[in-house]
Amino acid sequence: MLKAAAFALSLAACGHPAYADAPRCTSLEKAQKAAGKGTTITAVSRAQFYVLTGMYLRDPQTPEGLPPGDGALILARDDDGAGLILWTRGSLACDPWPIGDAKKLLKLLAEVKRGDGDGL
């Protein structure tokens, strides 16, 4: 599970619980600063974003509809691998989505075709 202290970013970045009715966003710069040292931030390709969107849609804990962004960043704590996904809209980071083992997810996504290709 995510440690509350390790990911205060989920509250600091957006100022509300991750699953409120309307997405809340903050600047990517502010989100990156809130992540702090000891956190690896990885941008995902378009194909990888589609995989994450499918995961989001299948998660019974997420609100109905598509994720609140057109891109994503994966934040992984270097010490324990716990992480979250920040949905991105241009230069904004929106509604953090907690994930368990970010390093495991990154390994899975590495198998997905990179770039803006037309499939997996």
PDB file of N, CA and C in Angstrom:
ATOM      1  N   MET A   1       0.844  -1.192   0.000  1.00  0.00           N
ATOM      2  CA  MET A   1       0.000   0.000   0.000  1.00  0.00           C
ATOM      3  C   MET A   1       0.883   1.247   0.000  1.00  0.00           C
ATOM      4  N   LEU A   2       0.300   2.304  -0.462  1.00  0.00           N
ATOM      5  CA  LEU A   2       1.034   3.562  -0.473  1.00  0.00           C
ATOM      6  C   LEU A   2       1.164   4.088   0.939  1.00  0.00           C
ATOM      7  N   LYS A   3       2.318   4.601   1.250  1.00  0.00           N
ATOM      8  CA  LYS A   3       2.523   5.240   2.538  1.00  0.00           C
ATOM      9  C   LYS A   3       2.044   6.673   2.416  1.00  0.00           C
ATOM     10  N   ALA A   4       1.231   7.102   3.358  1.00  0.00           N
ATOM     11  CA  ALA A   4       0.661   8.455   3.297  1.00  0.00           C
ATOM     12  C   ALA A   4       1.744   9.515   3.206  1.00  0.00           C
ATOM     13  N   ALA A   5       2.790   9.375   3.985  1.00  0.00           N
ATOM     14  CA  ALA A   5       3.854  10.375   3.971  1.00  0.00           C
ATOM     15  C   ALA A   5       4.628  10.338   2.658  1.00  0.00           C
ATOM     16  N   ALA A   6       4.788   9.161   2.091  1.00  0.00           N
ATOM     17  CA  ALA A   6       5.563   9.020   0.860  1.00  0.00           C
ATOM     18  C   ALA A   6       4.865   9.664  -0.318  1.00  0.00           C
ATOM     19  N   PHE A   7       3.562   9.694  -0.284  1.00  0.00           N
ATOM     20  CA  PHE A   7       2.842  10.284  -1.397  1.00  0.00           C
ATOM     21  C   PHE A   7       1.856  11.346  -0.959  1.00  0.00           C
ATOM     22  N   ALA A   8       2.341  12.279  -0.192  1.00  0.00           N
ATOM     23  CA  ALA A   8       1.544  13.448   0.147  1.00  0.00           C
ATOM     24  C   ALA A   8       1.225  14.207  -1.126  1.00  0.00           C
ATOM     25  N   LEU A   9       1.920  13.862  -2.187  1.00  0.00           N
ATOM     26  CA  LEU A   9       1.686  14.476  -3.488  1.00  0.00           C
ATOM     27  C   LEU A   9       0.232  14.347  -3.929  1.00  0.00           C
ATOM     28  N   SER A  10      -0.400  13.237  -3.618  1.00  0.00           N
ATOM     29  CA  SER A  10      -1.775  13.064  -4.068  1.00  0.00           C
ATOM     30  C   SER A  10      -2.698  14.150  -3.538  1.00  0.00           C
ATOM     31  N   LEU A  11      -2.361  14.687  -2.381  1.00  0.00           N
ATOM     32  CA  LEU A  11      -3.135  15.812  -1.856  1.00  0.00           C
ATOM     33  C   LEU A  11      -2.495  17.145  -2.209  1.00  0.00           C
ATOM     34  N   ALA A  12      -1.173  17.196  -2.135  1.00  0.00           N
ATOM     35  CA  ALA A  12      -0.467  18.454  -2.395  1.00  0.00           C
ATOM     36  C   ALA A  12      -0.607  18.891  -3.837  1.00  0.00           C
ATOM     37  N   ALA A  13      -0.583  17.951  -4.744  1.00  0.00           N
ATOM     38  CA  ALA A  13      -0.611  18.304  -6.161  1.00  0.00           C
ATOM     39  C   ALA A  13      -1.974  18.825  -6.592  1.00  0.00           C
ATOM     40  N   CYS A  14      -3.029  18.262  -6.044  1.00  0.00           N
ATOM     41  CA  CYS A  14      -4.354  18.639  -6.534  1.00  0.00           C
ATOM     42  C   CYS A  14      -5.271  19.188  -5.455  1.00  0.00           C
ATOM     43  N   GLY A  15      -4.901  19.040  -4.207  1.00  0.00           N
ATOM     44  CA  GLY A  15      -5.661  19.650  -3.133  1.00  0.00           C
ATOM     45  C   GLY A  15      -6.997  19.011  -2.830  1.00  0.00           C
ATOM     46  N   HIS A  16      -7.193  17.762  -3.207  1.00  0.00           N
ATOM     47  CA  HIS A  16      -8.453  17.084  -2.921  1.00  0.00           C
ATOM     48  C   HIS A  16      -8.258  15.590  -3.078  1.00  0.00           C
ATOM     49  N   PRO A  17      -9.219  14.771  -2.610  1.00  0.00           N
ATOM     50  CA  PRO A  17      -9.110  13.333  -2.821  1.00  0.00           C
ATOM     51  C   PRO A  17      -9.066  13.019  -4.309  1.00  0.00           C
ATOM     52  N   ALA A  18      -8.447  11.905  -4.657  1.00  0.00           N
ATOM     53  CA  ALA A  18      -8.203  11.572  -6.057  1.00  0.00           C
ATOM     54  C   ALA A  18      -9.478  11.380  -6.871  1.00  0.00           C
ATOM     55  N   TYR A  19     -10.592  11.064  -6.249  1.00  0.00           N
ATOM     56  CA  TYR A  19     -11.767  10.726  -7.037  1.00  0.00           C
ATOM     57  C   TYR A  19     -12.946  11.660  -6.768  1.00  0.00           C
ATOM     58  N   ALA A  20     -12.726  12.929  -6.850  1.00  0.00           N
ATOM     59  CA  ALA A  20     -13.811  13.895  -6.719  1.00  0.00           C
ATOM     60  C   ALA A  20     -14.565  13.960  -8.042  1.00  0.00           C
ATOM     61  N   ASP A  21     -15.722  14.606  -8.068  1.00  0.00           N
ATOM     62  CA  ASP A  21     -16.541  14.675  -9.271  1.00  0.00           C
ATOM     63  C   ASP A  21     -15.842  15.368 -10.432  1.00  0.00           C
ATOM     64  N   ALA A  22     -15.283  16.516 -10.204  1.00  0.00           N
ATOM     65  CA  ALA A  22     -14.610  17.259 -11.275  1.00  0.00           C
ATOM     66  C   ALA A  22     -13.100  17.150 -11.074  1.00  0.00           C
ATOM     67  N   PRO A  23     -12.358  16.907 -12.151  1.00  0.00           N
ATOM     68  CA  PRO A  23     -10.908  16.808 -11.978  1.00  0.00           C
ATOM     69  C   PRO A  23     -10.300  18.131 -11.536  1.00  0.00           C
ATOM     70  N   ARG A  24      -9.315  18.035 -10.683  1.00  0.00           N
ATOM     71  CA  ARG A  24      -8.562  19.197 -10.229  1.00  0.00           C
ATOM     72  C   ARG A  24      -7.155  19.048 -10.770  1.00  0.00           C
ATOM     73  N   CYS A  25      -6.606  20.110 -11.213  1.00  0.00           N
ATOM     74  CA  CYS A  25      -5.286  20.067 -11.830  1.00  0.00           C
ATOM     75  C   CYS A  25      -4.364  21.113 -11.207  1.00  0.00           C
ATOM     76  N   THR A  26      -3.075  20.872 -11.345  1.00  0.00           N
ATOM     77  CA  THR A  26      -2.049  21.804 -10.926  1.00  0.00           C
ATOM     78  C   THR A  26      -0.960  21.784 -11.993  1.00  0.00           C
ATOM     79  N   SER A  27      -0.023  22.684 -11.916  1.00  0.00           N
ATOM     80  CA  SER A  27       1.041  22.709 -12.915  1.00  0.00           C
ATOM     81  C   SER A  27       1.939  21.483 -12.757  1.00  0.00           C
ATOM     82  N   LEU A  28       2.480  21.012 -13.880  1.00  0.00           N
ATOM     83  CA  LEU A  28       3.421  19.898 -13.831  1.00  0.00           C
ATOM     84  C   LEU A  28       4.626  20.249 -12.974  1.00  0.00           C
ATOM     85  N   GLU A  29       5.062  21.481 -13.054  1.00  0.00           N
ATOM     86  CA  GLU A  29       6.213  21.925 -12.261  1.00  0.00           C
ATOM     87  C   GLU A  29       5.935  21.761 -10.769  1.00  0.00           C
ATOM     88  N   LYS A  30       4.760  22.189 -10.333  1.00  0.00           N
ATOM     89  CA  LYS A  30       4.398  22.069  -8.921  1.00  0.00           C
ATOM     90  C   LYS A  30       4.300  20.592  -8.510  1.00  0.00           C
ATOM     91  N   ALA A  31       3.734  19.774  -9.371  1.00  0.00           N
ATOM     92  CA  ALA A  31       3.606  18.345  -9.069  1.00  0.00           C
ATOM     93  C   ALA A  31       4.977  17.688  -8.965  1.00  0.00           C
ATOM     94  N   GLN A  32       5.891  18.042  -9.862  1.00  0.00           N
ATOM     95  CA  GLN A  32       7.232  17.473  -9.823  1.00  0.00           C
ATOM     96  C   GLN A  32       7.976  17.891  -8.559  1.00  0.00           C
ATOM     97  N   LYS A  33       7.822  19.135  -8.137  1.00  0.00           N
ATOM     98  CA  LYS A  33       8.450  19.598  -6.896  1.00  0.00           C
ATOM     99  C   LYS A  33       7.860  18.867  -5.697  1.00  0.00           C
ATOM    100  N   ALA A  34       6.535  18.656  -5.705  1.00  0.00           N
ATOM    101  CA  ALA A  34       5.882  17.974  -4.593  1.00  0.00           C
ATOM    102  C   ALA A  34       6.315  16.513  -4.499  1.00  0.00           C
ATOM    103  N   ALA A  35       6.672  15.915  -5.631  1.00  0.00           N
ATOM    104  CA  ALA A  35       7.114  14.521  -5.623  1.00  0.00           C
ATOM    105  C   ALA A  35       8.399  14.369  -4.817  1.00  0.00           C
ATOM    106  N   GLY A  36       9.251  15.361  -4.891  1.00  0.00           N
ATOM    107  CA  GLY A  36      10.464  15.370  -4.083  1.00  0.00           C
ATOM    108  C   GLY A  36      11.541  14.420  -4.560  1.00  0.00           C
ATOM    109  N   LYS A  37      12.636  14.440  -3.816  1.00  0.00           N
ATOM    110  CA  LYS A  37      13.747  13.544  -4.115  1.00  0.00           C
ATOM    111  C   LYS A  37      13.335  12.118  -3.796  1.00  0.00           C
ATOM    112  N   GLY A  38      13.955  11.184  -4.473  1.00  0.00           N
ATOM    113  CA  GLY A  38      13.633   9.783  -4.226  1.00  0.00           C
ATOM    114  C   GLY A  38      12.421   9.308  -4.994  1.00  0.00           C
ATOM    115  N   THR A  39      11.976  10.089  -5.953  1.00  0.00           N
ATOM    116  CA  THR A  39      10.842   9.705  -6.792  1.00  0.00           C
ATOM    117  C   THR A  39      11.268   9.788  -8.245  1.00  0.00           C
ATOM    118  N   THR A  40      11.041   8.710  -8.987  1.00  0.00           N
ATOM    119  CA  THR A  40      11.327   8.693 -10.407  1.00  0.00           C
ATOM    120  C   THR A  40      10.040   8.998 -11.156  1.00  0.00           C
ATOM    121  N   ILE A  41      10.112   9.939 -12.087  1.00  0.00           N
ATOM    122  CA  ILE A  41       8.950  10.341 -12.876  1.00  0.00           C
ATOM    123  C   ILE A  41       9.178   9.875 -14.309  1.00  0.00           C
ATOM    124  N   THR A  42       8.229   9.094 -14.834  1.00  0.00           N
ATOM    125  CA  THR A  42       8.347   8.534 -16.174  1.00  0.00           C
ATOM    126  C   THR A  42       7.142   8.945 -17.009  1.00  0.00           C
ATOM    127  N   ALA A  43       7.401   9.570 -18.157  1.00  0.00           N
ATOM    128  CA  ALA A  43       6.334   9.884 -19.103  1.00  0.00           C
ATOM    129  C   ALA A  43       6.004   8.624 -19.896  1.00  0.00           C
ATOM    130  N   VAL A  44       4.753   8.455 -20.260  1.00  0.00           N
ATOM    131  CA  VAL A  44       4.352   7.274 -21.037  1.00  0.00           C
ATOM    132  C   VAL A  44       4.073   7.672 -22.482  1.00  0.00           C
ATOM    133  N   SER A  45       4.266   6.720 -23.380  1.00  0.00           N
ATOM    134  CA  SER A  45       3.985   6.946 -24.791  1.00  0.00           C
ATOM    135  C   SER A  45       2.468   6.905 -25.026  1.00  0.00           C
ATOM    136  N   ARG A  46       2.055   7.242 -26.211  1.00  0.00           N
ATOM    137  CA  ARG A  46       0.627   7.222 -26.555  1.00  0.00           C
ATOM    138  C   ARG A  46       0.066   5.805 -26.392  1.00  0.00           C
ATOM    139  N   ALA A  47       0.778   4.795 -26.900  1.00  0.00           N
ATOM    140  CA  ALA A  47       0.305   3.413 -26.777  1.00  0.00           C
ATOM    141  C   ALA A  47       0.213   2.991 -25.308  1.00  0.00           C
ATOM    142  N   GLN A  48       1.188   3.382 -24.502  1.00  0.00           N
ATOM    143  CA  GLN A  48       1.171   3.062 -23.081  1.00  0.00           C
ATOM    144  C   GLN A  48       0.018   3.771 -22.376  1.00  0.00           C
ATOM    145  N   PHE A  49      -0.285   4.987 -22.819  1.00  0.00           N
ATOM    146  CA  PHE A  49      -1.417   5.728 -22.260  1.00  0.00           C
ATOM    147  C   PHE A  49      -2.720   4.960 -22.499  1.00  0.00           C
ATOM    148  N   TYR A  50      -2.861   4.369 -23.674  1.00  0.00           N
ATOM    149  CA  TYR A  50      -4.075   3.597 -23.966  1.00  0.00           C
ATOM    150  C   TYR A  50      -4.205   2.393 -23.038  1.00  0.00           C
ATOM    151  N   VAL A  51      -3.091   1.748 -22.719  1.00  0.00           N
ATOM    152  CA  VAL A  51      -3.119   0.637 -21.771  1.00  0.00           C
ATOM    153  C   VAL A  51      -3.569   1.131 -20.399  1.00  0.00           C
ATOM    154  N   LEU A  52      -3.011   2.251 -19.948  1.00  0.00           N
ATOM    155  CA  LEU A  52      -3.400   2.817 -18.650  1.00  0.00           C
ATOM    156  C   LEU A  52      -4.866   3.219 -18.637  1.00  0.00           C
ATOM    157  N   THR A  53      -5.355   3.749 -19.747  1.00  0.00           N
ATOM    158  CA  THR A  53      -6.773   4.116 -19.841  1.00  0.00           C
ATOM    159  C   THR A  53      -7.653   2.887 -19.662  1.00  0.00           C
ATOM    160  N   GLY A  54      -7.269   1.781 -20.279  1.00  0.00           N
ATOM    161  CA  GLY A  54      -8.023   0.536 -20.108  1.00  0.00           C
ATOM    162  C   GLY A  54      -8.026   0.065 -18.666  1.00  0.00           C
ATOM    163  N   MET A  55      -6.885   0.172 -17.999  1.00  0.00           N
ATOM    164  CA  MET A  55      -6.809  -0.202 -16.590  1.00  0.00           C
ATOM    165  C   MET A  55      -7.717   0.688 -15.754  1.00  0.00           C
ATOM    166  N   TYR A  56      -7.695   1.979 -16.047  1.00  0.00           N
ATOM    167  CA  TYR A  56      -8.514   2.956 -15.329  1.00  0.00           C
ATOM    168  C   TYR A  56     -10.006   2.627 -15.489  1.00  0.00           C
ATOM    169  N   LEU A  57     -10.398   2.319 -16.714  1.00  0.00           N
ATOM    170  CA  LEU A  57     -11.810   2.035 -16.990  1.00  0.00           C
ATOM    171  C   LEU A  57     -12.283   0.763 -16.300  1.00  0.00           C
ATOM    172  N   ARG A  58     -11.393  -0.198 -16.096  1.00  0.00           N
ATOM    173  CA  ARG A  58     -11.757  -1.471 -15.470  1.00  0.00           C
ATOM    174  C   ARG A  58     -11.696  -1.429 -13.947  1.00  0.00           C
ATOM    175  N   ASP A  59     -11.117  -0.394 -13.383  1.00  0.00           N
ATOM    176  CA  ASP A  59     -10.983  -0.289 -11.932  1.00  0.00           C
ATOM    177  C   ASP A  59     -12.309   0.174 -11.329  1.00  0.00           C
ATOM    178  N   PRO A  60     -12.922  -0.641 -10.477  1.00  0.00           N
ATOM    179  CA  PRO A  60     -14.211  -0.245  -9.890  1.00  0.00           C
ATOM    180  C   PRO A  60     -14.111   0.956  -8.952  1.00  0.00           C
ATOM    181  N   GLN A  61     -12.902   1.341  -8.546  1.00  0.00           N
ATOM    182  CA  GLN A  61     -12.714   2.466  -7.640  1.00  0.00           C
ATOM    183  C   GLN A  61     -12.690   3.812  -8.358  1.00  0.00           C
ATOM    184  N   THR A  62     -12.524   3.815  -9.674  1.00  0.00           N
ATOM    185  CA  THR A  62     -12.429   5.077 -10.403  1.00  0.00           C
ATOM    186  C   THR A  62     -13.819   5.544 -10.833  1.00  0.00           C
ATOM    187  N   PRO A  63     -13.982   6.842 -11.025  1.00  0.00           N
ATOM    188  CA  PRO A  63     -15.279   7.359 -11.470  1.00  0.00           C
ATOM    189  C   PRO A  63     -15.557   6.931 -12.909  1.00  0.00           C
ATOM    190  N   GLU A  64     -16.816   6.988 -13.298  1.00  0.00           N
ATOM    191  CA  GLU A  64     -17.185   6.637 -14.670  1.00  0.00           C
ATOM    192  C   GLU A  64     -16.544   7.605 -15.643  1.00  0.00           C
ATOM    193  N   GLY A  65     -16.296   7.128 -16.828  1.00  0.00           N
ATOM    194  CA  GLY A  65     -15.737   7.962 -17.873  1.00  0.00           C
ATOM    195  C   GLY A  65     -14.242   7.769 -18.027  1.00  0.00           C
ATOM    196  N   LEU A  66     -13.715   8.513 -18.955  1.00  0.00           N
ATOM    197  CA  LEU A  66     -12.294   8.441 -19.260  1.00  0.00           C
ATOM    198  C   LEU A  66     -11.465   9.152 -18.200  1.00  0.00           C
ATOM    199  N   PRO A  67     -10.175   8.844 -18.129  1.00  0.00           N
ATOM    200  CA  PRO A  67      -9.311   9.564 -17.192  1.00  0.00           C
ATOM    201  C   PRO A  67      -9.284  11.056 -17.527  1.00  0.00           C
ATOM    202  N   PRO A  68      -8.971  11.889 -16.549  1.00  0.00           N
ATOM    203  CA  PRO A  68      -9.006  13.337 -16.744  1.00  0.00           C
ATOM    204  C   PRO A  68      -7.752  13.901 -17.409  1.00  0.00           C
ATOM    205  N   GLY A  69      -7.357  13.353 -18.537  1.00  0.00           N
ATOM    206  CA  GLY A  69      -6.184  13.868 -19.235  1.00  0.00           C
ATOM    207  C   GLY A  69      -5.987  13.195 -20.575  1.00  0.00           C
ATOM    208  N   ASP A  70      -5.007  13.690 -21.306  1.00  0.00           N
ATOM    209  CA  ASP A  70      -4.702  13.109 -22.611  1.00  0.00           C
ATOM    210  C   ASP A  70      -3.300  12.511 -22.637  1.00  0.00           C
ATOM    211  N   GLY A  71      -2.676  12.407 -21.477  1.00  0.00           N
ATOM    212  CA  GLY A  71      -1.371  11.810 -21.305  1.00  0.00           C
ATOM    213  C   GLY A  71      -1.208  11.416 -19.853  1.00  0.00           C
ATOM    214  N   ALA A  72      -0.045  10.849 -19.517  1.00  0.00           N
ATOM    215  CA  ALA A  72       0.158  10.411 -18.136  1.00  0.00           C
ATOM    216  C   ALA A  72       1.631  10.380 -17.781  1.00  0.00           C
ATOM    217  N   LEU A  73       1.877  10.541 -16.490  1.00  0.00           N
ATOM    218  CA  LEU A  73       3.190  10.354 -15.894  1.00  0.00           C
ATOM    219  C   LEU A  73       3.048   9.301 -14.812  1.00  0.00           C
ATOM    220  N   ILE A  74       4.058   8.455 -14.676  1.00  0.00           N
ATOM    221  CA  ILE A  74       4.074   7.480 -13.589  1.00  0.00           C
ATOM    222  C   ILE A  74       5.139   7.919 -12.598  1.00  0.00           C
ATOM    223  N   LEU A  75       4.736   8.063 -11.343  1.00  0.00           N
ATOM    224  CA  LEU A  75       5.658   8.430 -10.272  1.00  0.00           C
ATOM    225  C   LEU A  75       5.918   7.192  -9.432  1.00  0.00           C
ATOM    226  N   ALA A  76       7.175   6.852  -9.249  1.00  0.00           N
ATOM    227  CA  ALA A  76       7.547   5.672  -8.468  1.00  0.00           C
ATOM    228  C   ALA A  76       8.542   6.064  -7.392  1.00  0.00           C
ATOM    229  N   ARG A  77       8.252   5.686  -6.163  1.00  0.00           N
ATOM    230  CA  ARG A  77       9.186   5.919  -5.064  1.00  0.00           C
ATOM    231  C   ARG A  77      10.371   4.992  -5.259  1.00  0.00           C
ATOM    232  N   ASP A  78      11.570   5.543  -5.196  1.00  0.00           N
ATOM    233  CA  ASP A  78      12.776   4.762  -5.417  1.00  0.00           C
ATOM    234  C   ASP A  78      12.984   3.702  -4.345  1.00  0.00           C
ATOM    235  N   ASP A  79      12.552   3.978  -3.095  1.00  0.00           N
ATOM    236  CA  ASP A  79      12.818   3.041  -2.003  1.00  0.00           C
ATOM    237  C   ASP A  79      11.889   1.832  -2.006  1.00  0.00           C
ATOM    238  N   ASP A  80      10.601   2.013  -2.196  1.00  0.00           N
ATOM    239  CA  ASP A  80       9.675   0.882  -2.089  1.00  0.00           C
ATOM    240  C   ASP A  80       8.883   0.590  -3.362  1.00  0.00           C
ATOM    241  N   GLY A  81       9.022   1.400  -4.393  1.00  0.00           N
ATOM    242  CA  GLY A  81       8.335   1.146  -5.662  1.00  0.00           C
ATOM    243  C   GLY A  81       6.882   1.567  -5.690  1.00  0.00           C
ATOM    244  N   ALA A  82       6.347   2.035  -4.557  1.00  0.00           N
ATOM    245  CA  ALA A  82       4.961   2.485  -4.537  1.00  0.00           C
ATOM    246  C   ALA A  82       4.818   3.672  -5.480  1.00  0.00           C
ATOM    247  N   GLY A  83       3.655   3.841  -6.050  1.00  0.00           N
ATOM    248  CA  GLY A  83       3.537   4.929  -7.001  1.00  0.00           C
ATOM    249  C   GLY A  83       2.132   5.408  -7.254  1.00  0.00           C
ATOM    250  N   LEU A  84       2.077   6.347  -8.177  1.00  0.00           N
ATOM    251  CA  LEU A  84       0.797   6.843  -8.644  1.00  0.00           C
ATOM    252  C   LEU A  84       0.932   7.350 -10.063  1.00  0.00           C
ATOM    253  N   ILE A  85      -0.208   7.467 -10.683  1.00  0.00           N
ATOM    254  CA  ILE A  85      -0.265   7.987 -12.044  1.00  0.00           C
ATOM    255  C   ILE A  85      -0.855   9.386 -11.964  1.00  0.00           C
ATOM    256  N   LEU A  86      -0.204  10.322 -12.625  1.00  0.00           N
ATOM    257  CA  LEU A  86      -0.741  11.664 -12.777  1.00  0.00           C
ATOM    258  C   LEU A  86      -1.221  11.786 -14.218  1.00  0.00           C
ATOM    259  N   TRP A  87      -2.471  12.072 -14.397  1.00  0.00           N
ATOM    260  CA  TRP A  87      -3.011  12.304 -15.735  1.00  0.00           C
ATOM    261  C   TRP A  87      -2.609  13.707 -16.143  1.00  0.00           C
ATOM    262  N   THR A  88      -2.174  13.874 -17.360  1.00  0.00           N
ATOM    263  CA  THR A  88      -1.694  15.178 -17.808  1.00  0.00           C
ATOM    264  C   THR A  88      -2.587  15.758 -18.903  1.00  0.00           C
ATOM    265  N   ARG A  89      -2.700  17.073 -18.856  1.00  0.00           N
ATOM    266  CA  ARG A  89      -3.405  17.869 -19.869  1.00  0.00           C
ATOM    267  C   ARG A  89      -2.471  19.013 -20.224  1.00  0.00           C
ATOM    268  N   GLY A  90      -1.729  18.856 -21.306  1.00  0.00           N
ATOM    269  CA  GLY A  90      -0.758  19.889 -21.649  1.00  0.00           C
ATOM    270  C   GLY A  90       0.244  20.055 -20.534  1.00  0.00           C
ATOM    271  N   SER A  91       0.296  21.247 -19.929  1.00  0.00           N
ATOM    272  CA  SER A  91       1.259  21.512 -18.855  1.00  0.00           C
ATOM    273  C   SER A  91       0.650  21.332 -17.467  1.00  0.00           C
ATOM    274  N   LEU A  92      -0.474  20.631 -17.371  1.00  0.00           N
ATOM    275  CA  LEU A  92      -1.141  20.399 -16.092  1.00  0.00           C
ATOM    276  C   LEU A  92      -1.083  18.929 -15.698  1.00  0.00           C
ATOM    277  N   ALA A  93      -1.053  18.670 -14.395  1.00  0.00           N
ATOM    278  CA  ALA A  93      -1.145  17.329 -13.827  1.00  0.00           C
ATOM    279  C   ALA A  93      -2.465  17.258 -13.069  1.00  0.00           C
ATOM    280  N   CYS A  94      -3.242  16.208 -13.338  1.00  0.00           N
ATOM    281  CA  CYS A  94      -4.587  16.108 -12.758  1.00  0.00           C
ATOM    282  C   CYS A  94      -4.796  14.802 -12.008  1.00  0.00           C
ATOM    283  N   ASP A  95      -5.688  14.837 -11.031  1.00  0.00           N
ATOM    284  CA  ASP A  95      -6.183  13.694 -10.265  1.00  0.00           C
ATOM    285  C   ASP A  95      -5.233  12.511 -10.152  1.00  0.00           C
ATOM    286  N   PRO A  96      -4.358  12.503  -9.163  1.00  0.00           N
ATOM    287  CA  PRO A  96      -3.463  11.363  -8.977  1.00  0.00           C
ATOM    288  C   PRO A  96      -4.254  10.067  -8.777  1.00  0.00           C
ATOM    289  N   TRP A  97      -3.790   8.995  -9.413  1.00  0.00           N
ATOM    290  CA  TRP A  97      -4.418   7.678  -9.298  1.00  0.00           C
ATOM    291  C   TRP A  97      -3.407   6.742  -8.647  1.00  0.00           C
ATOM    292  N   PRO A  98      -3.614   6.346  -7.395  1.00  0.00           N
ATOM    293  CA  PRO A  98      -2.668   5.469  -6.703  1.00  0.00           C
ATOM    294  C   PRO A  98      -2.565   4.110  -7.378  1.00  0.00           C
ATOM    295  N   ILE A  99      -1.334   3.636  -7.501  1.00  0.00           N
ATOM    296  CA  ILE A  99      -1.084   2.285  -7.992  1.00  0.00           C
ATOM    297  C   ILE A  99      -0.173   1.617  -6.982  1.00  0.00           C
ATOM    298  N   GLY A 100      -0.227   0.323  -6.905  1.00  0.00           N
ATOM    299  CA  GLY A 100       0.589  -0.392  -5.928  1.00  0.00           C
ATOM    300  C   GLY A 100       2.065  -0.363  -6.273  1.00  0.00           C
ATOM    301  N   ASP A 101       2.494  -1.272  -7.119  1.00  0.00           N
ATOM    302  CA  ASP A 101       3.901  -1.441  -7.458  1.00  0.00           C
ATOM    303  C   ASP A 101       4.179  -0.774  -8.802  1.00  0.00           C
ATOM    304  N   ALA A 102       4.656   0.455  -8.761  1.00  0.00           N
ATOM    305  CA  ALA A 102       4.909   1.210  -9.987  1.00  0.00           C
ATOM    306  C   ALA A 102       6.014   0.577 -10.816  1.00  0.00           C
ATOM    307  N   LYS A 103       7.004  -0.006 -10.164  1.00  0.00           N
ATOM    308  CA  LYS A 103       8.099  -0.625 -10.906  1.00  0.00           C
ATOM    309  C   LYS A 103       7.598  -1.816 -11.723  1.00  0.00           C
ATOM    310  N   LYS A 104       6.687  -2.578 -11.170  1.00  0.00           N
ATOM    311  CA  LYS A 104       6.094  -3.707 -11.890  1.00  0.00           C
ATOM    312  C   LYS A 104       5.292  -3.194 -13.090  1.00  0.00           C
ATOM    313  N   LEU A 105       4.536  -2.127 -12.888  1.00  0.00           N
ATOM    314  CA  LEU A 105       3.761  -1.538 -13.981  1.00  0.00           C
ATOM    315  C   LEU A 105       4.689  -1.018 -15.078  1.00  0.00           C
ATOM    316  N   LEU A 106       5.782  -0.382 -14.699  1.00  0.00           N
ATOM    317  CA  LEU A 106       6.731   0.129 -15.691  1.00  0.00           C
ATOM    318  C   LEU A 106       7.341  -1.006 -16.512  1.00  0.00           C
ATOM    319  N   LYS A 107       7.608  -2.155 -15.880  1.00  0.00           N
ATOM    320  CA  LYS A 107       8.119  -3.308 -16.623  1.00  0.00           C
ATOM    321  C   LYS A 107       7.091  -3.790 -17.636  1.00  0.00           C
ATOM    322  N   LEU A 108       5.831  -3.851 -17.224  1.00  0.00           N
ATOM    323  CA  LEU A 108       4.764  -4.262 -18.127  1.00  0.00           C
ATOM    324  C   LEU A 108       4.654  -3.293 -19.298  1.00  0.00           C
ATOM    325  N   LEU A 109       4.665  -2.004 -19.006  1.00  0.00           N
ATOM    326  CA  LEU A 109       4.524  -1.002 -20.061  1.00  0.00           C
ATOM    327  C   LEU A 109       5.715  -0.977 -21.015  1.00  0.00           C
ATOM    328  N   ALA A 110       6.868  -1.432 -20.554  1.00  0.00           N
ATOM    329  CA  ALA A 110       8.042  -1.487 -21.425  1.00  0.00           C
ATOM    330  C   ALA A 110       7.823  -2.461 -22.579  1.00  0.00           C
ATOM    331  N   GLU A 111       6.917  -3.400 -22.397  1.00  0.00           N
ATOM    332  CA  GLU A 111       6.608  -4.370 -23.444  1.00  0.00           C
ATOM    333  C   GLU A 111       5.639  -3.796 -24.476  1.00  0.00           C
ATOM    334  N   VAL A 112       5.021  -2.698 -24.163  1.00  0.00           N
ATOM    335  CA  VAL A 112       4.077  -2.069 -25.071  1.00  0.00           C
ATOM    336  C   VAL A 112       4.847  -1.255 -26.092  1.00  0.00           C
ATOM    337  N   LYS A 113       4.403  -1.299 -27.330  1.00  0.00           N
ATOM    338  CA  LYS A 113       5.067  -0.551 -28.391  1.00  0.00           C
ATOM    339  C   LYS A 113       5.235   0.907 -27.977  1.00  0.00           C
ATOM    340  N   ARG A 114       6.417   1.431 -28.150  1.00  0.00           N
ATOM    341  CA  ARG A 114       6.703   2.825 -27.800  1.00  0.00           C
ATOM    342  C   ARG A 114       6.350   3.734 -28.959  1.00  0.00           C
ATOM    343  N   GLY A 115       6.048   4.972 -28.634  1.00  0.00           N
ATOM    344  CA  GLY A 115       5.760   5.946 -29.681  1.00  0.00           C
ATOM    345  C   GLY A 115       4.284   6.117 -29.911  1.00  0.00           C
ATOM    346  N   ASP A 116       3.959   6.763 -30.996  1.00  0.00           N
ATOM    347  CA  ASP A 116       2.559   7.071 -31.318  1.00  0.00           C
ATOM    348  C   ASP A 116       2.000   6.097 -32.345  1.00  0.00           C
ATOM    349  N   GLY A 117       2.543   4.922 -32.397  1.00  0.00           N
ATOM    350  CA  GLY A 117       2.108   3.913 -33.365  1.00  0.00           C
ATOM    351  C   GLY A 117       0.645   3.575 -33.275  1.00  0.00           C
ATOM    352  N   ASP A 118       0.242   2.675 -34.111  1.00  0.00           N
ATOM    353  CA  ASP A 118      -1.172   2.366 -34.210  1.00  0.00           C
ATOM    354  C   ASP A 118      -1.561   1.098 -33.465  1.00  0.00           C
ATOM    355  N   GLY A 119      -0.798   0.682 -32.536  1.00  0.00           N
ATOM    356  CA  GLY A 119      -1.203  -0.496 -31.785  1.00  0.00           C
ATOM    357  C   GLY A 119      -0.151  -0.948 -30.814  1.00  0.00           C
ATOM    358  N   LEU A 120      -0.391  -2.117 -30.269  1.00  0.00           N
ATOM    359  CA  LEU A 120       0.538  -2.685 -29.285  1.00  0.00           C
ATOM    360  C   LEU A 120       1.538  -3.553 -29.974  1.00  0.00           C
TER     361      LEU A 120
END
